[in-house]
């Protein structure tokens, strides 16, 4: 039995859309005719799920949708329902047709004899490799409901952490843009109009005033060209990041920038640690868990070192020793992992150290944002004060001449 998306016209000529299960498109059309509807189109949901390259239209799920879907499925399985019945109930609760079609297509695969993890692989954009590997481990271990609940928690916490980082980054960017706009506005419109009065009178301008006037003239004459050059540079940089070699070099550069390198390392090691924790605690073998967890690391240089660490662990090395050789993980994290390995409680220790890393990262971001605001205000105050002094100097000199 497969899932089919249909379009039909009811007795009043209104268009109806939905998803039905059946053995064939002909059976779906017959079901529609029995309702008194005229079938317009009937397509198997699996036809629309593929997409390649830039134009990838394969279905995906938002974090909220994936988390809700996961929790509902965990509840149904915990209640004793078989997976196929749980998926049917889940499709009936789905509020959106695309989600219902996706769930029914997954159910069709399960009825064909596929495992749930393999059925989810039909929708890689909706269910990433981390999600599928964890589900597979839960199926083999026989505690799928607990694994699904853990996955929902992980999905939500990862999303919250990511949102905090994005919001923290947005505030300084917006503040910087506003500050730059104010300064450019003062130099472009205010300074020339006021200073021009003294220039017409033949008064010699102080060096500071002349400097501000020169800057103003440059912005007026070449500001647009400069802005275009900057935009072209940014576009070229973004396009360059699509090249693996250029992106790798840029990521290495980030790891060598004082002040920024620590943040990059903490962000990536925290992500690796939390992913590794959810995988190992769900029953995924350590080497496979390391391979999957390294894929969620965004810095290519760190990812390469983690790939080498995975090889060392597969050859019999300890996790602590392999991660220490990467030189990217903080000592406290390595000590806690070593303690977990020696005590046989690696899963819980990984979860604890990952939580600690994420908390430290959030505290660092919060501290940076708090520092940035007064520093930016101070810089803005100095710039504006300099502009005001540049305007006032010729006025003061004119008063001295009058006296």
Protein backbone atom coordinates (compact mmCIF):
# COMPACT_ATOMS: atom_id res chain seq x y z
CA UNK A 1 0.00 0.00 0.00
CA UNK A 2 1.32 3.43 -0.99
CA UNK A 3 0.39 7.06 -0.37
CA UNK A 4 -1.05 9.17 -3.19
CA UNK A 5 -1.62 12.91 -3.41
CA UNK A 6 -4.80 13.81 -5.24
CA UNK A 7 -6.63 16.79 -6.66
CA UNK A 8 -10.36 16.51 -7.32
CA UNK A 9 -13.53 18.52 -7.80
CA UNK A 10 -16.47 17.99 -5.45
CA UNK A 11 -20.18 18.14 -6.35
CA UNK A 12 -20.08 21.97 -6.21
CA UNK A 13 -17.02 22.23 -8.43
CA UNK A 14 -14.66 23.21 -5.60
CA UNK A 15 -11.12 21.91 -5.75
CA UNK A 16 -10.11 19.39 -3.11
CA UNK A 17 -6.56 18.29 -2.27
CA UNK A 18 -5.34 15.59 0.05
CA UNK A 19 -3.55 12.31 0.57
CA UNK A 20 -5.01 8.80 0.49
CA UNK A 21 -3.54 5.34 0.85
CA UNK A 22 -4.14 2.64 -1.74
CA UNK A 23 -2.60 -0.10 -3.83
CA UNK A 24 -2.71 1.92 -7.04
CA UNK A 25 -3.71 5.26 -8.55
CA UNK A 26 -6.78 3.54 -10.04
CA UNK A 27 -7.96 2.54 -6.57
CA UNK A 28 -7.56 6.14 -5.34
CA UNK A 29 -9.61 7.43 -8.28
CA UNK A 30 -12.29 4.89 -7.43
CA UNK A 31 -12.35 6.07 -3.81
CA UNK A 32 -12.77 9.66 -5.00
CA UNK A 33 -15.62 8.71 -7.35
CA UNK A 34 -17.37 6.90 -4.50
CA UNK A 35 -17.34 10.23 -2.64
CA UNK A 36 -18.95 11.87 -5.67
CA UNK A 37 -15.77 13.74 -6.56
CA UNK A 38 -14.20 14.00 -10.00
CA UNK A 39 -10.47 13.07 -9.94
CA UNK A 40 -8.21 15.64 -11.60
CA UNK A 41 -4.79 14.18 -10.76
CA UNK A 42 -3.45 11.34 -8.63
CA UNK A 43 0.29 10.97 -8.04
CA UNK A 44 2.37 8.75 -5.79
CA UNK A 45 4.06 10.88 -3.12
CA UNK A 46 7.42 9.26 -3.82
CA UNK A 47 7.50 10.91 -7.26
CA UNK A 48 7.94 14.40 -5.75
CA UNK A 49 10.45 13.69 -3.06
CA UNK A 50 13.69 13.94 -5.05
CA UNK A 51 15.76 17.02 -5.82
CA UNK A 52 19.32 17.60 -6.87
CA UNK A 53 21.84 20.40 -6.99
CA UNK A 54 20.91 23.96 -6.18
CA UNK A 55 17.26 23.44 -7.10
CA UNK A 56 16.54 20.85 -4.42
CA UNK A 57 12.80 20.77 -3.86
CA UNK A 58 12.81 17.64 -1.69
CA UNK A 59 10.48 18.01 1.32
CA UNK A 60 11.92 19.27 4.57
CA UNK A 61 10.67 19.95 8.08
CA UNK A 62 11.16 22.91 10.37
CA UNK A 63 12.67 22.32 13.81
CA UNK A 64 9.25 22.73 15.46
CA UNK A 65 7.61 20.29 13.02
CA UNK A 66 10.38 17.69 13.41
CA UNK A 67 10.32 17.95 17.20
CA UNK A 68 6.52 17.64 17.38
CA UNK A 69 6.49 14.74 14.93
CA UNK A 70 9.19 12.95 16.92
CA UNK A 71 7.44 13.39 20.26
CA UNK A 72 4.09 12.24 18.91
CA UNK A 73 5.67 9.14 17.38
CA UNK A 74 7.50 8.38 20.65
CA UNK A 75 4.21 8.63 22.59
CA UNK A 76 2.37 6.32 20.20
CA UNK A 77 5.14 3.71 20.21
CA UNK A 78 5.40 3.90 24.02
CA UNK A 79 1.64 3.19 24.15
CA UNK A 80 2.29 -0.17 22.47
CA UNK A 81 1.20 0.59 18.90
CA UNK A 82 3.18 -1.03 16.07
CA UNK A 83 5.27 1.39 13.99
CA UNK A 84 2.95 1.22 10.96
CA UNK A 85 -0.13 1.97 13.09
CA UNK A 86 1.74 4.75 14.87
CA UNK A 87 2.61 6.31 11.53
CA UNK A 88 -1.01 6.05 10.39
CA UNK A 89 -2.20 7.83 13.54
CA UNK A 90 0.54 10.39 13.06
CA UNK A 91 -0.62 11.11 9.51
CA UNK A 92 -4.17 11.66 10.75
CA UNK A 93 -2.92 14.22 13.27
CA UNK A 94 -0.76 16.07 10.71
CA UNK A 95 -2.12 19.52 10.04
CA UNK A 96 -0.32 20.04 6.72
CA UNK A 97 -0.81 17.96 3.59
CA UNK A 98 2.91 17.76 2.80
CA UNK A 99 3.64 16.31 6.25
CA UNK A 100 0.76 13.86 5.94
CA UNK A 101 2.02 12.76 2.51
CA UNK A 102 5.52 12.32 3.88
CA UNK A 103 4.38 10.23 6.86
CA UNK A 104 2.17 8.00 4.71
CA UNK A 105 5.02 7.46 2.23
CA UNK A 106 7.27 6.44 5.13
CA UNK A 107 4.52 4.09 6.39
CA UNK A 108 4.29 2.54 2.93
CA UNK A 109 8.02 1.75 3.07
CA UNK A 110 7.65 0.23 6.54
CA UNK A 111 4.81 -1.99 5.27
CA UNK A 112 7.13 -3.15 2.46
CA UNK A 113 9.55 -4.45 5.09
CA UNK A 114 11.92 -1.51 5.47
CA UNK A 115 13.13 -0.47 8.90
CA UNK A 116 11.93 2.93 10.10
CA UNK A 117 15.46 4.36 9.73
CA UNK A 118 15.70 3.15 6.11
CA UNK A 119 12.22 4.50 5.37
CA UNK A 120 13.23 7.90 6.77
CA UNK A 121 16.22 7.89 4.40
CA UNK A 122 13.76 8.58 1.56
CA UNK A 123 13.57 12.14 2.96
CA UNK A 124 17.18 13.11 3.79
CA UNK A 125 16.40 16.84 4.03
CA UNK A 126 13.67 16.23 6.60
CA UNK A 127 15.54 13.54 8.56
CA UNK A 128 19.34 14.11 8.55
CA UNK A 129 21.91 11.35 8.95
CA UNK A 130 22.24 12.01 12.70
CA UNK A 131 18.49 11.51 13.15
CA UNK A 132 18.39 8.30 11.07
CA UNK A 133 21.44 6.76 12.77
CA UNK A 134 19.93 7.38 16.20
CA UNK A 135 16.59 5.88 15.15
CA UNK A 136 18.40 2.85 13.73
CA UNK A 137 20.24 2.35 17.03
CA UNK A 138 16.96 2.63 18.93
CA UNK A 139 15.32 0.03 16.68
CA UNK A 140 18.16 -2.44 17.18
CA UNK A 141 18.29 -1.85 20.95
CA UNK A 142 14.51 -2.15 21.35
CA UNK A 143 13.91 1.19 23.07
CA UNK A 144 12.81 3.34 20.14
CA UNK A 145 10.37 5.46 22.18
CA UNK A 146 13.08 6.60 24.62
CA UNK A 147 15.46 7.35 21.75
CA UNK A 148 12.81 9.40 19.95
CA UNK A 149 12.12 11.47 23.07
CA UNK A 150 15.85 12.07 23.43
CA UNK A 151 16.04 13.10 19.79
CA UNK A 152 13.22 15.61 20.26
CA UNK A 153 15.03 17.11 23.26
CA UNK A 154 18.28 17.31 21.30
CA UNK A 155 16.60 18.90 18.28
CA UNK A 156 14.96 21.59 20.42
CA UNK A 157 18.08 22.36 22.49
CA UNK A 158 20.30 22.53 19.39
CA UNK A 159 17.85 24.91 17.74
CA UNK A 160 17.68 27.14 20.82
CA UNK A 161 21.49 27.30 21.05
CA UNK A 162 21.76 28.12 17.36
CA UNK A 163 19.13 30.84 17.66
CA UNK A 164 20.95 32.42 20.60
CA UNK A 165 24.18 32.58 18.61
CA UNK A 166 22.42 34.08 15.57
CA UNK A 167 20.57 36.67 17.65
CA UNK A 168 23.76 37.56 19.50
CA UNK A 169 25.53 38.08 16.18
CA UNK A 170 22.68 40.10 14.69
CA UNK A 171 22.66 42.76 17.41
CA UNK A 172 26.26 43.96 16.89
CA UNK A 173 25.80 43.87 13.11
CA UNK A 174 22.64 46.01 13.23
CA UNK A 175 24.20 48.42 15.73
CA UNK A 176 27.31 48.76 13.56
CA UNK A 177 25.23 49.45 10.42
CA UNK A 178 23.18 52.11 12.23
CA UNK A 179 26.33 53.73 13.63
CA UNK A 180 27.98 53.76 10.21
CA UNK A 181 24.86 55.30 8.68
CA UNK A 182 24.81 58.09 11.26
CA UNK A 183 28.48 58.92 10.73
CA UNK A 184 28.14 58.90 6.94
CA UNK A 185 25.05 61.12 7.21
CA UNK A 186 26.90 63.66 9.39
CA UNK A 187 29.91 63.73 7.12
CA UNK A 188 27.88 63.90 3.91
CA UNK A 189 25.20 66.45 4.80
CA UNK A 190 26.00 68.28 8.05
CA UNK A 191 29.74 68.96 7.85
CA UNK A 192 29.84 70.34 4.24
CA UNK A 193 26.91 72.72 4.75
CA UNK A 194 28.34 74.27 7.91
CA UNK A 195 31.99 74.37 6.88
CA UNK A 196 31.16 75.78 3.43
CA UNK A 197 30.15 79.07 5.10
CA UNK A 198 33.71 79.57 6.35
CA UNK A 199 35.25 78.47 3.06
CA UNK A 200 33.24 81.12 1.14
CA UNK A 201 34.48 83.80 3.53
CA UNK A 202 38.05 82.83 2.75
CA UNK A 203 38.75 81.67 6.31
CA UNK A 204 41.58 79.17 6.67
CA UNK A 205 40.28 75.96 8.17
CA UNK A 206 41.94 74.14 11.11
CA UNK A 207 43.60 70.82 10.17
CA UNK A 208 40.91 68.76 11.91
CA UNK A 209 38.11 70.58 10.10
CA UNK A 210 39.95 70.26 6.78
CA UNK A 211 40.42 66.53 7.39
CA UNK A 212 36.71 66.06 8.03
CA UNK A 213 35.92 68.07 4.91
CA UNK A 214 38.28 65.89 2.86
CA UNK A 215 36.61 62.75 4.20
CA UNK A 216 33.22 64.24 3.41
CA UNK A 217 34.32 65.06 -0.15
CA UNK A 218 35.66 61.54 -0.64
CA UNK A 219 32.37 59.99 0.55
CA UNK A 220 30.37 62.29 -1.72
CA UNK A 221 32.56 61.69 -4.79
CA UNK A 222 33.54 58.06 -4.35
CA UNK A 223 31.09 56.70 -1.78
CA UNK A 224 28.92 54.89 -4.33
CA UNK A 225 31.96 53.39 -6.08
CA UNK A 226 33.37 52.29 -2.73
CA UNK A 227 30.04 50.70 -1.75
CA UNK A 228 29.90 48.83 -5.07
CA UNK A 229 33.48 47.59 -4.59
CA UNK A 230 32.62 46.37 -1.08
CA UNK A 231 29.47 44.59 -2.31
CA UNK A 232 31.38 42.96 -5.19
CA UNK A 233 34.05 41.88 -2.70
CA UNK A 234 31.46 40.32 -0.41
CA UNK A 235 29.79 38.50 -3.31
CA UNK A 236 33.18 37.25 -4.54
CA UNK A 237 34.02 36.07 -1.02
CA UNK A 238 30.71 34.20 -0.67
CA UNK A 239 31.23 32.57 -4.07
CA UNK A 240 34.78 31.69 -3.06
CA UNK A 241 33.46 29.86 0.00
CA UNK A 242 31.80 27.39 -2.37
CA UNK A 243 35.28 26.22 -3.32
CA UNK A 244 36.45 23.56 -0.87
CA UNK A 245 40.08 24.70 -1.06
CA UNK A 246 39.24 28.36 -0.40
CA UNK A 247 36.80 27.47 2.38
CA UNK A 248 39.40 25.25 4.06
CA UNK A 249 41.96 28.07 3.95
CA UNK A 250 39.45 30.53 5.41
CA UNK A 251 38.57 28.11 8.22
CA UNK A 252 42.26 27.67 9.04
CA UNK A 253 42.58 31.47 9.10
CA UNK A 254 39.69 31.71 11.60
CA UNK A 255 41.50 29.32 13.91
CA UNK A 256 44.52 31.63 13.93
CA UNK A 257 42.75 34.94 14.59
CA UNK A 258 43.36 36.01 18.21
CA UNK A 259 40.12 36.36 20.13
CA UNK A 260 38.06 34.66 17.43
CA UNK A 261 39.84 31.30 17.39
CA UNK A 262 38.66 30.37 20.88
CA UNK A 263 35.05 31.10 19.99
CA UNK A 264 35.28 29.01 16.78
CA UNK A 265 36.82 26.09 18.65
CA UNK A 266 34.29 26.23 21.49
CA UNK A 267 31.33 26.40 19.09
CA UNK A 268 32.51 23.41 17.05
CA UNK A 269 33.66 21.22 19.94
CA UNK A 270 30.39 21.87 21.80
CA UNK A 271 28.41 20.83 18.72
CA UNK A 272 30.55 17.72 18.28
CA UNK A 273 30.27 16.79 21.95
CA UNK A 274 26.48 17.16 22.15
CA UNK A 275 25.98 15.18 18.92
CA UNK A 276 28.34 12.43 20.07
CA UNK A 277 26.51 12.28 23.40
CA UNK A 278 23.06 11.74 21.84
CA UNK A 279 24.44 9.08 19.48
CA UNK A 280 26.39 7.03 22.02
CA UNK A 281 23.63 7.22 24.63
CA UNK A 282 21.23 5.88 22.00
CA UNK A 283 23.40 2.84 21.33
CA UNK A 284 25.35 3.92 18.24
CA UNK A 285 28.89 2.39 18.26
CA UNK A 286 31.54 4.94 19.20
CA UNK A 287 33.44 4.92 15.89
CA UNK A 288 30.23 5.31 13.87
CA UNK A 289 29.03 8.00 16.29
CA UNK A 290 32.30 9.93 15.84
CA UNK A 291 31.99 9.70 12.07
CA UNK A 292 28.45 11.08 12.12
CA UNK A 293 29.18 13.72 14.78
CA UNK A 294 32.15 15.05 12.81
CA UNK A 295 29.76 15.81 9.92
CA UNK A 296 27.90 18.42 11.98
CA UNK A 297 31.14 20.35 12.64
CA UNK A 298 31.20 23.45 10.42
CA UNK A 299 34.93 24.27 10.52
CA UNK A 300 36.67 22.13 7.88
CA UNK A 301 40.05 22.16 9.64
CA UNK A 302 38.52 20.84 12.85
CA UNK A 303 36.44 18.34 10.85
CA UNK A 304 39.61 16.97 9.21
CA UNK A 305 41.30 16.52 12.57
CA UNK A 306 38.19 14.72 13.88
CA UNK A 307 38.27 12.39 10.88
CA UNK A 308 41.85 11.48 11.80
CA UNK A 309 40.76 11.04 15.44
CA UNK A 310 38.01 8.65 14.31
CA UNK A 311 40.61 6.53 12.50
CA UNK A 312 42.79 6.41 15.63
CA UNK A 313 39.84 5.25 17.76
CA UNK A 314 38.92 2.60 15.17
CA UNK A 315 42.51 1.32 15.45
CA UNK A 316 42.17 0.85 19.20
CA UNK A 317 43.05 4.27 20.59
CA UNK A 318 41.13 5.96 23.39
CA UNK A 319 38.63 8.71 22.66
CA UNK A 320 40.39 11.03 25.10
CA UNK A 321 43.79 10.48 23.48
CA UNK A 322 42.47 10.85 19.94
CA UNK A 323 40.67 14.12 20.73
CA UNK A 324 43.71 15.46 22.61
CA UNK A 325 45.85 15.03 19.49
CA UNK A 326 43.54 17.35 17.53
CA UNK A 327 44.58 20.22 19.89
CA UNK A 328 41.10 21.74 19.54
CA UNK A 329 39.36 20.43 22.66
CA UNK A 330 39.65 22.22 26.04
CA UNK A 331 41.48 20.35 28.83
CA UNK A 332 38.42 20.16 31.10
CA UNK A 333 36.47 18.39 28.35
CA UNK A 334 39.30 15.92 27.77
CA UNK A 335 39.63 15.19 31.51
CA UNK A 336 35.90 14.49 31.82
CA UNK A 337 35.96 12.17 28.78
CA UNK A 338 38.98 10.34 30.20
CA UNK A 339 37.14 9.95 33.51
CA UNK A 340 34.10 8.57 31.68
CA UNK A 341 36.20 6.06 29.76
CA UNK A 342 37.98 4.79 32.88
CA UNK A 343 34.75 4.50 34.91
CA UNK A 344 32.69 2.97 32.09
CA UNK A 345 30.25 5.90 32.10
CA UNK A 346 31.31 7.55 28.87
CA UNK A 347 27.73 8.23 27.73
CA UNK A 348 26.74 10.26 30.79
CA UNK A 349 30.09 12.02 30.94
CA UNK A 350 29.84 13.03 27.28
CA UNK A 351 26.37 14.45 27.90
CA UNK A 352 27.64 16.36 30.94
CA UNK A 353 30.70 17.82 29.23
CA UNK A 354 28.64 18.74 26.14
CA UNK A 355 26.15 20.58 28.33
CA UNK A 356 28.99 22.36 30.11
CA UNK A 357 30.59 23.37 26.80
CA UNK A 358 27.33 24.78 25.46
CA UNK A 359 26.77 26.73 28.71
CA UNK A 360 30.29 28.18 28.51
CA UNK A 361 29.73 29.13 24.88
CA UNK A 362 26.46 30.91 25.69
CA UNK A 363 28.13 32.76 28.58
CA UNK A 364 30.97 33.84 26.28
CA UNK A 365 28.52 35.13 23.67
CA UNK A 366 26.51 36.96 26.32
CA UNK A 367 29.67 38.57 27.73
CA UNK A 368 30.84 39.65 24.27
CA UNK A 369 27.48 41.25 23.49
CA UNK A 370 27.48 43.09 26.83
CA UNK A 371 31.00 44.38 26.17
CA UNK A 372 30.28 45.31 22.57
CA UNK A 373 27.42 47.71 23.36
CA UNK A 374 29.32 50.14 25.63
CA UNK A 375 32.42 49.91 23.39
CA UNK A 376 30.34 50.77 20.32
CA UNK A 377 28.64 53.64 22.16
CA UNK A 378 32.05 54.93 23.28
CA UNK A 379 33.43 54.75 19.73
CA UNK A 380 30.34 56.47 18.38
CA UNK A 381 30.64 59.16 21.05
CA UNK A 382 34.29 59.80 20.14
CA UNK A 383 33.50 60.02 16.41
CA UNK A 384 30.54 62.36 16.90
CA UNK A 385 32.52 64.48 19.37
CA UNK A 386 35.36 64.73 16.83
CA UNK A 387 32.93 65.89 14.14
CA UNK A 388 31.42 68.48 16.50
CA UNK A 389 34.88 69.78 17.46
CA UNK A 390 35.80 69.97 13.77
CA UNK A 391 32.72 72.14 13.18
CA UNK A 392 33.26 74.30 16.28
CA UNK A 393 36.96 75.09 15.70
CA UNK A 394 36.45 77.57 12.82
CA UNK A 395 33.60 79.21 14.76
CA UNK A 396 35.89 79.74 17.78
CA UNK A 397 38.68 81.08 15.60
CA UNK A 398 36.23 83.50 13.96
CA UNK A 399 35.17 84.77 17.41
CA UNK A 400 38.83 85.37 18.32
CA UNK A 401 39.31 87.38 15.12
CA UNK A 402 36.26 89.52 15.89
CA UNK A 403 37.52 90.23 19.39
